[in-house]
C-alpha cells in the first residue's frame, strides 16, 4: 500500500470518484487532491519550504494527472515538476488519466520518464489492481 497519492483534476466528480475507489481498494493510506497543475505545484512548494521539525512532510509516491485543466494543464505541470526546482519530488511516478487517448499525447508522454502509464478515465478497481502489479 502506498503512503500518499496526489490526484490532479479540475473535475470535482472525478476527484471524488478517485478518492472513493482508491480508499475502497486500500491502494493508499492518504489521498490528496489538486484542481489544476498550479495548485499541485503550490502543494509541492509548501512541502519544500515548510520546515516542520515535529511532523514529517509526506511526499506523494504516485500522481494521477489529468491533462486538460484550466489555469495550468497537465503538460505545463509536468514541465515545471520535472525541472530542477522540483527534483526532490521526482521519485513520484505519474499516471496520466485522460478522458481521450490522443496518439499525439501518447507520443508526448514518452518524453517524460516519470510517466509510467497513460490510462483512460474513470479510475476503476481493475485499473488499481493492474497498477499495484506495475509499481511494486
C-alpha atoms as a PDB file:
ATOM      1  CA  UNK A   1       0.000   0.000   0.000  1.00  0.00           C
ATOM      2  CA  UNK A   2       1.271   3.439  -0.898  1.00  0.00           C
ATOM      3  CA  UNK A   3       1.558   6.132   1.764  1.00  0.00           C
ATOM      4  CA  UNK A   4       0.228   9.035  -0.288  1.00  0.00           C
ATOM      5  CA  UNK A   5      -1.286   9.666  -3.721  1.00  0.00           C
ATOM      6  CA  UNK A   6      -1.954  13.031  -5.356  1.00  0.00           C
ATOM      7  CA  UNK A   7      -4.883  13.304  -7.778  1.00  0.00           C
ATOM      8  CA  UNK A   8      -4.783  16.375 -10.041  1.00  0.00           C
ATOM      9  CA  UNK A   9      -8.013  17.036 -11.928  1.00  0.00           C
ATOM     10  CA  UNK A  10     -10.305  20.022 -12.420  1.00  0.00           C
ATOM     11  CA  UNK A  11     -13.476  17.894 -12.224  1.00  0.00           C
ATOM     12  CA  UNK A  12     -14.735  17.539  -8.629  1.00  0.00           C
ATOM     13  CA  UNK A  13     -16.690  14.377  -9.533  1.00  0.00           C
ATOM     14  CA  UNK A  14     -13.547  12.732 -10.901  1.00  0.00           C
ATOM     15  CA  UNK A  15     -11.657  13.691  -7.734  1.00  0.00           C
ATOM     16  CA  UNK A  16     -14.435  12.278  -5.541  1.00  0.00           C
ATOM     17  CA  UNK A  17     -14.510   9.053  -7.582  1.00  0.00           C
ATOM     18  CA  UNK A  18     -10.713   8.745  -7.351  1.00  0.00           C
ATOM     19  CA  UNK A  19     -10.842   9.113  -3.577  1.00  0.00           C
ATOM     20  CA  UNK A  20     -13.638   6.545  -3.208  1.00  0.00           C
ATOM     21  CA  UNK A  21     -12.104   3.916  -5.490  1.00  0.00           C
ATOM     22  CA  UNK A  22      -8.599   4.313  -4.020  1.00  0.00           C
ATOM     23  CA  UNK A  23      -9.902   4.200  -0.424  1.00  0.00           C
ATOM     24  CA  UNK A  24     -12.096   1.184  -1.085  1.00  0.00           C
ATOM     25  CA  UNK A  25      -9.240  -0.747  -2.675  1.00  0.00           C
ATOM     26  CA  UNK A  26      -6.754   0.033   0.138  1.00  0.00           C
ATOM     27  CA  UNK A  27      -4.343   1.292  -2.526  1.00  0.00           C
ATOM     28  CA  UNK A  28      -3.073   4.232  -0.438  1.00  0.00           C
ATOM     29  CA  UNK A  29      -3.200   5.458   3.150  1.00  0.00           C
ATOM     30  CA  UNK A  30      -3.770   9.060   2.126  1.00  0.00           C
ATOM     31  CA  UNK A  31      -5.239  10.731  -0.964  1.00  0.00           C
ATOM     32  CA  UNK A  32      -4.700  14.422  -1.548  1.00  0.00           C
ATOM     33  CA  UNK A  33      -6.156  16.428  -4.401  1.00  0.00           C
ATOM     34  CA  UNK A  34      -5.436  19.495  -6.508  1.00  0.00           C
ATOM     35  CA  UNK A  35      -7.766  21.070  -9.059  1.00  0.00           C
ATOM     36  CA  UNK A  36      -5.032  22.077 -11.511  1.00  0.00           C
ATOM     37  CA  UNK A  37      -1.296  21.983 -12.022  1.00  0.00           C
ATOM     38  CA  UNK A  38      -0.699  25.306 -10.291  1.00  0.00           C
ATOM     39  CA  UNK A  39      -2.448  24.103  -7.131  1.00  0.00           C
ATOM     40  CA  UNK A  40      -0.356  20.914  -7.226  1.00  0.00           C
ATOM     41  CA  UNK A  41       2.892  22.873  -7.578  1.00  0.00           C
ATOM     42  CA  UNK A  42       1.794  25.036  -4.647  1.00  0.00           C
ATOM     43  CA  UNK A  43       1.436  21.833  -2.597  1.00  0.00           C
ATOM     44  CA  UNK A  44       4.992  20.795  -3.500  1.00  0.00           C
ATOM     45  CA  UNK A  45       6.316  24.288  -2.746  1.00  0.00           C
ATOM     46  CA  UNK A  46       4.649  24.113   0.664  1.00  0.00           C
ATOM     47  CA  UNK A  47       6.376  20.780   1.327  1.00  0.00           C
ATOM     48  CA  UNK A  48       9.678  22.172   0.105  1.00  0.00           C
ATOM     49  CA  UNK A  49       9.692  25.411   2.065  1.00  0.00           C
ATOM     50  CA  UNK A  50       7.916  24.395   5.263  1.00  0.00           C
ATOM     51  CA  UNK A  51      10.373  23.487   7.957  1.00  0.00           C
ATOM     52  CA  UNK A  52       8.315  21.359  10.287  1.00  0.00           C
ATOM     53  CA  UNK A  53      10.568  19.550  12.751  1.00  0.00           C
ATOM     54  CA  UNK A  54       7.798  17.725  14.610  1.00  0.00           C
ATOM     55  CA  UNK A  55       5.955  16.283  11.620  1.00  0.00           C
ATOM     56  CA  UNK A  56       7.455  14.573   8.611  1.00  0.00           C
ATOM     57  CA  UNK A  57       6.077  16.044   5.397  1.00  0.00           C
ATOM     58  CA  UNK A  58       4.958  13.144   3.262  1.00  0.00           C
ATOM     59  CA  UNK A  59       5.652  13.270  -0.443  1.00  0.00           C
ATOM     60  CA  UNK A  60       3.200  11.662  -2.853  1.00  0.00           C
ATOM     61  CA  UNK A  61       4.521   8.411  -4.252  1.00  0.00           C
ATOM     62  CA  UNK A  62       2.086   8.423  -7.160  1.00  0.00           C
ATOM     63  CA  UNK A  63       0.328  11.193  -9.074  1.00  0.00           C
ATOM     64  CA  UNK A  64      -2.830  10.720 -11.133  1.00  0.00           C
ATOM     65  CA  UNK A  65      -2.759  13.588 -13.624  1.00  0.00           C
ATOM     66  CA  UNK A  66      -5.406  14.970 -15.960  1.00  0.00           C
ATOM     67  CA  UNK A  67      -4.031  16.778 -18.998  1.00  0.00           C
ATOM     68  CA  UNK A  68      -6.769  19.273 -19.866  1.00  0.00           C
ATOM     69  CA  UNK A  69      -7.366  21.681 -16.994  1.00  0.00           C
ATOM     70  CA  UNK A  70      -7.835  25.434 -16.679  1.00  0.00           C
ATOM     71  CA  UNK A  71      -5.197  27.641 -15.004  1.00  0.00           C
ATOM     72  CA  UNK A  72      -2.378  25.101 -15.562  1.00  0.00           C
ATOM     73  CA  UNK A  73      -2.844  21.894 -17.521  1.00  0.00           C
ATOM     74  CA  UNK A  74      -1.049  18.590 -17.130  1.00  0.00           C
ATOM     75  CA  UNK A  75       1.690  19.197 -19.691  1.00  0.00           C
ATOM     76  CA  UNK A  76       2.632  22.543 -18.165  1.00  0.00           C
ATOM     77  CA  UNK A  77       2.605  20.936 -14.703  1.00  0.00           C
ATOM     78  CA  UNK A  78       4.976  18.218 -15.958  1.00  0.00           C
ATOM     79  CA  UNK A  79       7.326  20.804 -17.489  1.00  0.00           C
ATOM     80  CA  UNK A  80       7.634  22.504 -14.092  1.00  0.00           C
ATOM     81  CA  UNK A  81       7.586  19.315 -11.999  1.00  0.00           C
ATOM     82  CA  UNK A  82      10.414  17.684 -13.953  1.00  0.00           C
ATOM     83  CA  UNK A  83      12.633  20.778 -13.651  1.00  0.00           C
ATOM     84  CA  UNK A  84      15.499  21.071 -11.174  1.00  0.00           C
ATOM     85  CA  UNK A  85      13.253  23.130  -8.854  1.00  0.00           C
ATOM     86  CA  UNK A  86      11.221  20.008  -8.020  1.00  0.00           C
ATOM     87  CA  UNK A  87      13.973  17.380  -8.308  1.00  0.00           C
ATOM     88  CA  UNK A  88      13.468  16.200  -4.725  1.00  0.00           C
ATOM     89  CA  UNK A  89       9.924  15.090  -5.627  1.00  0.00           C
ATOM     90  CA  UNK A  90      10.738  13.338  -8.892  1.00  0.00           C
ATOM     91  CA  UNK A  91      10.660   9.935  -7.230  1.00  0.00           C
ATOM     92  CA  UNK A  92       6.879  10.181  -7.608  1.00  0.00           C
ATOM     93  CA  UNK A  93       5.552   8.258 -10.575  1.00  0.00           C
ATOM     94  CA  UNK A  94       2.861   9.784 -12.788  1.00  0.00           C
ATOM     95  CA  UNK A  95      -0.164   8.081 -14.301  1.00  0.00           C
ATOM     96  CA  UNK A  96      -1.904  10.219 -16.895  1.00  0.00           C
ATOM     97  CA  UNK A  97      -5.678   9.806 -16.592  1.00  0.00           C
ATOM     98  CA  UNK A  98      -7.390  11.316 -19.590  1.00  0.00           C
ATOM     99  CA  UNK A  99     -10.895  11.237 -20.986  1.00  0.00           C
ATOM    100  CA  UNK A 100      -9.470  10.964 -24.503  1.00  0.00           C
ATOM    101  CA  UNK A 101      -6.493   8.957 -25.607  1.00  0.00           C
ATOM    102  CA  UNK A 102      -4.859  11.078 -28.303  1.00  0.00           C
ATOM    103  CA  UNK A 103      -1.933   9.445 -30.188  1.00  0.00           C
ATOM    104  CA  UNK A 104      -0.069  12.785 -30.049  1.00  0.00           C
ATOM    105  CA  UNK A 105      -0.449  12.828 -26.261  1.00  0.00           C
ATOM    106  CA  UNK A 106       0.806   9.233 -26.040  1.00  0.00           C
ATOM    107  CA  UNK A 107       3.885  10.209 -28.049  1.00  0.00           C
ATOM    108  CA  UNK A 108       4.455  13.327 -25.944  1.00  0.00           C
ATOM    109  CA  UNK A 109       4.161  11.292 -22.720  1.00  0.00           C
ATOM    110  CA  UNK A 110       7.204   9.242 -23.743  1.00  0.00           C
ATOM    111  CA  UNK A 111       9.331  12.384 -23.323  1.00  0.00           C
ATOM    112  CA  UNK A 112       8.671  12.314 -19.559  1.00  0.00           C
ATOM    113  CA  UNK A 113      10.414   9.371 -17.839  1.00  0.00           C
ATOM    114  CA  UNK A 114       8.294   9.814 -14.690  1.00  0.00           C
ATOM    115  CA  UNK A 115       5.120   8.901 -16.618  1.00  0.00           C
ATOM    116  CA  UNK A 116       4.665   5.165 -16.142  1.00  0.00           C
ATOM    117  CA  UNK A 117       1.278   4.804 -17.825  1.00  0.00           C
ATOM    118  CA  UNK A 118      -1.425   6.596 -19.783  1.00  0.00           C
ATOM    119  CA  UNK A 119      -4.932   5.395 -18.902  1.00  0.00           C
ATOM    120  CA  UNK A 120      -8.470   6.324 -19.782  1.00  0.00           C
ATOM    121  CA  UNK A 121     -10.845   7.828 -17.205  1.00  0.00           C
ATOM    122  CA  UNK A 122     -12.555   6.930 -14.966  1.00  0.00           C
ATOM    123  CA  UNK A 123     -10.336   5.200 -12.438  1.00  0.00           C
ATOM    124  CA  UNK A 124     -11.577   1.705 -11.614  1.00  0.00           C
ATOM    125  CA  UNK A 125     -10.849  -1.091  -9.163  1.00  0.00           C
ATOM    126  CA  UNK A 126      -9.422  -3.205 -12.013  1.00  0.00           C
ATOM    127  CA  UNK A 127      -7.124  -0.333 -13.005  1.00  0.00           C
ATOM    128  CA  UNK A 128      -5.752  -0.134  -9.459  1.00  0.00           C
ATOM    129  CA  UNK A 129      -5.137  -3.915  -9.399  1.00  0.00           C
ATOM    130  CA  UNK A 130      -3.186  -3.553 -12.647  1.00  0.00           C
ATOM    131  CA  UNK A 131      -1.198  -0.610 -11.197  1.00  0.00           C
ATOM    132  CA  UNK A 132      -0.402  -2.488  -7.969  1.00  0.00           C
ATOM    133  CA  UNK A 133       1.415  -5.091 -10.044  1.00  0.00           C
ATOM    134  CA  UNK A 134       3.134  -2.453 -12.134  1.00  0.00           C
ATOM    135  CA  UNK A 135       4.505  -0.241  -9.346  1.00  0.00           C
ATOM    136  CA  UNK A 136       5.511  -2.856  -6.785  1.00  0.00           C
END
